Amino acid sequence: MEARAAGGKDGADRRSPGRARFMGVLLILLSLISAAGCYMVFSWWLPSDSARYQDYRAAAA
């Protein structure tokens, strides 16, 4: 502990700003890919299941 304090560096300076930016961009891309995947799955699934939904609505009426 004392050796770190004497060196003048704290725990927050261990990683370079470039690495932090890269990880941030990577996380954003991962979330966008996930969102696009969900959109594609639901856009494929909802139209194919519309007959069941119409039957469900007709049964409720």
PDB file of N, CA and C in Angstrom:
ATOM      1  N   MET A   1       0.813  -1.191   0.000  1.00  0.00           N
ATOM      2  CA  MET A   1       0.000   0.000   0.000  1.00  0.00           C
ATOM      3  C   MET A   1       0.863   1.263   0.000  1.00  0.00           C
ATOM      4  N   GLU A   2       1.846   1.288   0.867  1.00  0.00           N
ATOM      5  CA  GLU A   2       2.675   2.483   0.988  1.00  0.00           C
ATOM      6  C   GLU A   2       3.533   2.685  -0.253  1.00  0.00           C
ATOM      7  N   ALA A   3       3.926   1.597  -0.903  1.00  0.00           N
ATOM      8  CA  ALA A   3       4.740   1.727  -2.103  1.00  0.00           C
ATOM      9  C   ALA A   3       3.946   2.384  -3.222  1.00  0.00           C
ATOM     10  N   ARG A   4       2.665   2.088  -3.314  1.00  0.00           N
ATOM     11  CA  ARG A   4       1.827   2.732  -4.335  1.00  0.00           C
ATOM     12  C   ARG A   4       1.681   4.220  -4.056  1.00  0.00           C
ATOM     13  N   ALA A   5       1.484   4.563  -2.805  1.00  0.00           N
ATOM     14  CA  ALA A   5       1.327   5.970  -2.457  1.00  0.00           C
ATOM     15  C   ALA A   5       2.620   6.732  -2.721  1.00  0.00           C
ATOM     16  N   ALA A   6       3.733   6.096  -2.512  1.00  0.00           N
ATOM     17  CA  ALA A   6       5.011   6.759  -2.744  1.00  0.00           C
ATOM     18  C   ALA A   6       5.247   6.950  -4.235  1.00  0.00           C
ATOM     19  N   GLY A   7       4.733   6.053  -5.056  1.00  0.00           N
ATOM     20  CA  GLY A   7       4.919   6.162  -6.499  1.00  0.00           C
ATOM     21  C   GLY A   7       4.061   7.239  -7.126  1.00  0.00           C
ATOM     22  N   GLY A   8       3.052   7.688  -6.434  1.00  0.00           N
ATOM     23  CA  GLY A   8       2.199   8.757  -6.948  1.00  0.00           C
ATOM     24  C   GLY A   8       1.054   8.272  -7.813  1.00  0.00           C
ATOM     25  N   LYS A   9       0.867   6.994  -7.941  1.00  0.00           N
ATOM     26  CA  LYS A   9      -0.236   6.477  -8.757  1.00  0.00           C
ATOM     27  C   LYS A   9      -1.294   5.875  -7.864  1.00  0.00           C
ATOM     28  N   ASP A  10      -2.538   6.105  -8.222  1.00  0.00           N
ATOM     29  CA  ASP A  10      -3.623   5.439  -7.503  1.00  0.00           C
ATOM     30  C   ASP A  10      -4.172   4.320  -8.379  1.00  0.00           C
ATOM     31  N   GLY A  11      -5.143   3.593  -7.890  1.00  0.00           N
ATOM     32  CA  GLY A  11      -5.668   2.436  -8.603  1.00  0.00           C
ATOM     33  C   GLY A  11      -6.379   2.784  -9.898  1.00  0.00           C
ATOM     34  N   ALA A  12      -6.850   4.004 -10.076  1.00  0.00           N
ATOM     35  CA  ALA A  12      -7.622   4.376 -11.256  1.00  0.00           C
ATOM     36  C   ALA A  12      -6.743   4.566 -12.485  1.00  0.00           C
ATOM     37  N   ASP A  13      -5.445   4.745 -12.322  1.00  0.00           N
ATOM     38  CA  ASP A  13      -4.566   5.030 -13.455  1.00  0.00           C
ATOM     39  C   ASP A  13      -3.913   3.783 -14.030  1.00  0.00           C
ATOM     40  N   ARG A  14      -4.357   2.615 -13.666  1.00  0.00           N
ATOM     41  CA  ARG A  14      -3.710   1.402 -14.135  1.00  0.00           C
ATOM     42  C   ARG A  14      -3.960   1.129 -15.608  1.00  0.00           C
ATOM     43  N   ARG A  15      -5.091   1.489 -16.137  1.00  0.00           N
ATOM     44  CA  ARG A  15      -5.414   1.225 -17.538  1.00  0.00           C
ATOM     45  C   ARG A  15      -5.266   2.498 -18.357  1.00  0.00           C
ATOM     46  N   SER A  16      -4.899   2.303 -19.612  1.00  0.00           N
ATOM     47  CA  SER A  16      -4.742   3.457 -20.488  1.00  0.00           C
ATOM     48  C   SER A  16      -6.105   3.945 -20.962  1.00  0.00           C
ATOM     49  N   PRO A  17      -6.209   5.213 -21.326  1.00  0.00           N
ATOM     50  CA  PRO A  17      -7.501   5.730 -21.836  1.00  0.00           C
ATOM     51  C   PRO A  17      -7.923   5.043 -23.130  1.00  0.00           C
ATOM     52  N   GLY A  18      -6.967   4.629 -23.940  1.00  0.00           N
ATOM     53  CA  GLY A  18      -7.303   3.934 -25.179  1.00  0.00           C
ATOM     54  C   GLY A  18      -7.990   2.610 -24.927  1.00  0.00           C
ATOM     55  N   ARG A  19      -7.520   1.895 -23.912  1.00  0.00           N
ATOM     56  CA  ARG A  19      -8.146   0.613 -23.586  1.00  0.00           C
ATOM     57  C   ARG A  19      -9.556   0.820 -23.046  1.00  0.00           C
ATOM     58  N   ALA A  20      -9.742   1.827 -22.224  1.00  0.00           N
ATOM     59  CA  ALA A  20     -11.074   2.107 -21.684  1.00  0.00           C
ATOM     60  C   ALA A  20     -12.034   2.504 -22.797  1.00  0.00           C
ATOM     61  N   ARG A  21     -11.557   3.306 -23.738  1.00  0.00           N
ATOM     62  CA  ARG A  21     -12.401   3.706 -24.873  1.00  0.00           C
ATOM     63  C   ARG A  21     -12.752   2.491 -25.723  1.00  0.00           C
ATOM     64  N   PHE A  22     -11.783   1.627 -25.961  1.00  0.00           N
ATOM     65  CA  PHE A  22     -12.022   0.412 -26.738  1.00  0.00           C
ATOM     66  C   PHE A  22     -13.067  -0.467 -26.061  1.00  0.00           C
ATOM     67  N   MET A  23     -12.961  -0.635 -24.765  1.00  0.00           N
ATOM     68  CA  MET A  23     -13.933  -1.461 -24.042  1.00  0.00           C
ATOM     69  C   MET A  23     -15.321  -0.825 -24.086  1.00  0.00           C
ATOM     70  N   GLY A  24     -15.394   0.497 -24.004  1.00  0.00           N
ATOM     71  CA  GLY A  24     -16.682   1.184 -24.099  1.00  0.00           C
ATOM     72  C   GLY A  24     -17.324   0.987 -25.458  1.00  0.00           C
ATOM     73  N   VAL A  25     -16.520   1.132 -26.512  1.00  0.00           N
ATOM     74  CA  VAL A  25     -17.039   0.930 -27.868  1.00  0.00           C
ATOM     75  C   VAL A  25     -17.466  -0.518 -28.054  1.00  0.00           C
ATOM     76  N   LEU A  26     -16.687  -1.438 -27.511  1.00  0.00           N
ATOM     77  CA  LEU A  26     -17.029  -2.855 -27.608  1.00  0.00           C
ATOM     78  C   LEU A  26     -18.356  -3.162 -26.919  1.00  0.00           C
ATOM     79  N   LEU A  27     -18.575  -2.584 -25.748  1.00  0.00           N
ATOM     80  CA  LEU A  27     -19.838  -2.808 -25.042  1.00  0.00           C
ATOM     81  C   LEU A  27     -21.017  -2.200 -25.783  1.00  0.00           C
ATOM     82  N   ILE A  28     -20.826  -1.031 -26.357  1.00  0.00           N
ATOM     83  CA  ILE A  28     -21.906  -0.402 -27.139  1.00  0.00           C
ATOM     84  C   ILE A  28     -22.233  -1.250 -28.367  1.00  0.00           C
ATOM     85  N   LEU A  29     -21.201  -1.735 -29.075  1.00  0.00           N
ATOM     86  CA  LEU A  29     -21.445  -2.582 -30.241  1.00  0.00           C
ATOM     87  C   LEU A  29     -22.143  -3.879 -29.843  1.00  0.00           C
ATOM     88  N   LEU A  30     -21.750  -4.436 -28.718  1.00  0.00           N
ATOM     89  CA  LEU A  30     -22.390  -5.658 -28.243  1.00  0.00           C
ATOM     90  C   LEU A  30     -23.872  -5.430 -27.952  1.00  0.00           C
ATOM     91  N   SER A  31     -24.200  -4.293 -27.350  1.00  0.00           N
ATOM     92  CA  SER A  31     -25.604  -4.008 -27.051  1.00  0.00           C
ATOM     93  C   SER A  31     -26.396  -3.733 -28.331  1.00  0.00           C
ATOM     94  N   LEU A  32     -25.776  -3.068 -29.304  1.00  0.00           N
ATOM     95  CA  LEU A  32     -26.471  -2.814 -30.574  1.00  0.00           C
ATOM     96  C   LEU A  32     -26.714  -4.108 -31.337  1.00  0.00           C
ATOM     97  N   ILE A  33     -25.730  -5.010 -31.326  1.00  0.00           N
ATOM     98  CA  ILE A  33     -25.906  -6.299 -31.994  1.00  0.00           C
ATOM     99  C   ILE A  33     -27.014  -7.091 -31.310  1.00  0.00           C
ATOM    100  N   SER A  34     -27.050  -7.050 -29.991  1.00  0.00           N
ATOM    101  CA  SER A  34     -28.101  -7.742 -29.248  1.00  0.00           C
ATOM    102  C   SER A  34     -29.471  -7.161 -29.574  1.00  0.00           C
ATOM    103  N   ALA A  35     -29.574  -5.843 -29.618  1.00  0.00           N
ATOM    104  CA  ALA A  35     -30.854  -5.202 -29.935  1.00  0.00           C
ATOM    105  C   ALA A  35     -31.301  -5.534 -31.358  1.00  0.00           C
ATOM    106  N   ALA A  36     -30.353  -5.540 -32.298  1.00  0.00           N
ATOM    107  CA  ALA A  36     -30.695  -5.874 -33.683  1.00  0.00           C
ATOM    108  C   ALA A  36     -31.140  -7.332 -33.788  1.00  0.00           C
ATOM    109  N   GLY A  37     -30.496  -8.207 -33.039  1.00  0.00           N
ATOM    110  CA  GLY A  37     -30.889  -9.611 -33.036  1.00  0.00           C
ATOM    111  C   GLY A  37     -32.292  -9.803 -32.492  1.00  0.00           C
ATOM    112  N   CYS A  38     -32.618  -9.115 -31.402  1.00  0.00           N
ATOM    113  CA  CYS A  38     -33.964  -9.190 -30.832  1.00  0.00           C
ATOM    114  C   CYS A  38     -34.995  -8.665 -31.820  1.00  0.00           C
ATOM    115  N   TYR A  39     -34.679  -7.567 -32.481  1.00  0.00           N
ATOM    116  CA  TYR A  39     -35.604  -6.992 -33.463  1.00  0.00           C
ATOM    117  C   TYR A  39     -35.865  -7.986 -34.600  1.00  0.00           C
ATOM    118  N   MET A  40     -34.805  -8.624 -35.085  1.00  0.00           N
ATOM    119  CA  MET A  40     -34.982  -9.574 -36.188  1.00  0.00           C
ATOM    120  C   MET A  40     -35.793 -10.787 -35.753  1.00  0.00           C
ATOM    121  N   VAL A  41     -35.541 -11.290 -34.562  1.00  0.00           N
ATOM    122  CA  VAL A  41     -36.290 -12.461 -34.079  1.00  0.00           C
ATOM    123  C   VAL A  41     -37.760 -12.125 -33.912  1.00  0.00           C
ATOM    124  N   PHE A  42     -38.064 -10.987 -33.306  1.00  0.00           N
ATOM    125  CA  PHE A  42     -39.467 -10.641 -33.100  1.00  0.00           C
ATOM    126  C   PHE A  42     -40.160 -10.253 -34.397  1.00  0.00           C
ATOM    127  N   SER A  43     -39.436  -9.646 -35.336  1.00  0.00           N
ATOM    128  CA  SER A  43     -40.072  -9.323 -36.611  1.00  0.00           C
ATOM    129  C   SER A  43     -40.334 -10.583 -37.421  1.00  0.00           C
ATOM    130  N   TRP A  44     -39.574 -11.648 -37.181  1.00  0.00           N
ATOM    131  CA  TRP A  44     -39.837 -12.924 -37.835  1.00  0.00           C
ATOM    132  C   TRP A  44     -40.948 -13.686 -37.116  1.00  0.00           C
ATOM    133  N   TRP A  45     -40.934 -13.640 -35.786  1.00  0.00           N
ATOM    134  CA  TRP A  45     -41.858 -14.452 -35.006  1.00  0.00           C
ATOM    135  C   TRP A  45     -43.279 -13.884 -34.987  1.00  0.00           C
ATOM    136  N   LEU A  46     -43.417 -12.571 -34.839  1.00  0.00           N
ATOM    137  CA  LEU A  46     -44.760 -11.993 -34.716  1.00  0.00           C
ATOM    138  C   LEU A  46     -45.627 -12.205 -35.943  1.00  0.00           C
ATOM    139  N   PRO A  47     -45.144 -11.944 -37.157  1.00  0.00           N
ATOM    140  CA  PRO A  47     -46.025 -12.195 -38.311  1.00  0.00           C
ATOM    141  C   PRO A  47     -46.370 -13.672 -38.481  1.00  0.00           C
ATOM    142  N   SER A  48     -45.468 -14.563 -38.118  1.00  0.00           N
ATOM    143  CA  SER A  48     -45.754 -15.982 -38.299  1.00  0.00           C
ATOM    144  C   SER A  48     -46.760 -16.492 -37.272  1.00  0.00           C
ATOM    145  N   ASP A  49     -46.934 -15.768 -36.186  1.00  0.00           N
ATOM    146  CA  ASP A  49     -47.845 -16.203 -35.129  1.00  0.00           C
ATOM    147  C   ASP A  49     -49.144 -15.382 -35.122  1.00  0.00           C
ATOM    148  N   SER A  50     -49.412 -14.639 -36.194  1.00  0.00           N
ATOM    149  CA  SER A  50     -50.589 -13.776 -36.200  1.00  0.00           C
ATOM    150  C   SER A  50     -51.891 -14.582 -36.248  1.00  0.00           C
ATOM    151  N   ALA A  51     -51.881 -15.761 -36.870  1.00  0.00           N
ATOM    152  CA  ALA A  51     -53.100 -16.574 -36.936  1.00  0.00           C
ATOM    153  C   ALA A  51     -53.511 -17.019 -35.534  1.00  0.00           C
ATOM    154  N   ARG A  52     -52.535 -17.412 -34.724  1.00  0.00           N
ATOM    155  CA  ARG A  52     -52.849 -17.815 -33.352  1.00  0.00           C
ATOM    156  C   ARG A  52     -53.376 -16.628 -32.561  1.00  0.00           C
ATOM    157  N   TYR A  53     -52.811 -15.445 -32.787  1.00  0.00           N
ATOM    158  CA  TYR A  53     -53.274 -14.251 -32.081  1.00  0.00           C
ATOM    159  C   TYR A  53     -54.706 -13.904 -32.486  1.00  0.00           C
ATOM    160  N   GLN A  54     -55.027 -14.030 -33.759  1.00  0.00           N
ATOM    161  CA  GLN A  54     -56.388 -13.740 -34.213  1.00  0.00           C
ATOM    162  C   GLN A  54     -57.378 -14.751 -33.632  1.00  0.00           C
ATOM    163  N   ASP A  55     -56.973 -16.009 -33.540  1.00  0.00           N
ATOM    164  CA  ASP A  55     -57.833 -17.013 -32.901  1.00  0.00           C
ATOM    165  C   ASP A  55     -58.057 -16.673 -31.435  1.00  0.00           C
ATOM    166  N   TYR A  56     -57.023 -16.226 -30.770  1.00  0.00           N
ATOM    167  CA  TYR A  56     -57.122 -15.846 -29.364  1.00  0.00           C
ATOM    168  C   TYR A  56     -58.083 -14.676 -29.179  1.00  0.00           C
ATOM    169  N   ARG A  57     -57.966 -13.678 -30.058  1.00  0.00           N
ATOM    170  CA  ARG A  57     -58.878 -12.521 -29.954  1.00  0.00           C
ATOM    171  C   ARG A  57     -60.307 -12.913 -30.276  1.00  0.00           C
ATOM    172  N   ALA A  58     -60.497 -13.804 -31.249  1.00  0.00           N
ATOM    173  CA  ALA A  58     -61.857 -14.242 -31.612  1.00  0.00           C
ATOM    174  C   ALA A  58     -62.494 -15.041 -30.474  1.00  0.00           C
ATOM    175  N   ALA A  59     -61.700 -15.823 -29.769  1.00  0.00           N
ATOM    176  CA  ALA A  59     -62.219 -16.621 -28.656  1.00  0.00           C
ATOM    177  C   ALA A  59     -62.614 -15.739 -27.485  1.00  0.00           C
ATOM    178  N   ALA A  60     -61.949 -14.608 -27.315  1.00  0.00           N
ATOM    179  CA  ALA A  60     -62.247 -13.716 -26.195  1.00  0.00           C
ATOM    180  C   ALA A  60     -63.517 -12.908 -26.465  1.00  0.00           C
ATOM    181  N   ALA A  61     -63.843 -12.700 -27.712  1.00  0.00           N
ATOM    182  CA  ALA A  61     -65.014 -11.873 -28.045  1.00  0.00           C
ATOM    183  C   ALA A  61     -66.314 -12.607 -27.935  1.00  0.00           C
TER     184      ALA A  61
END
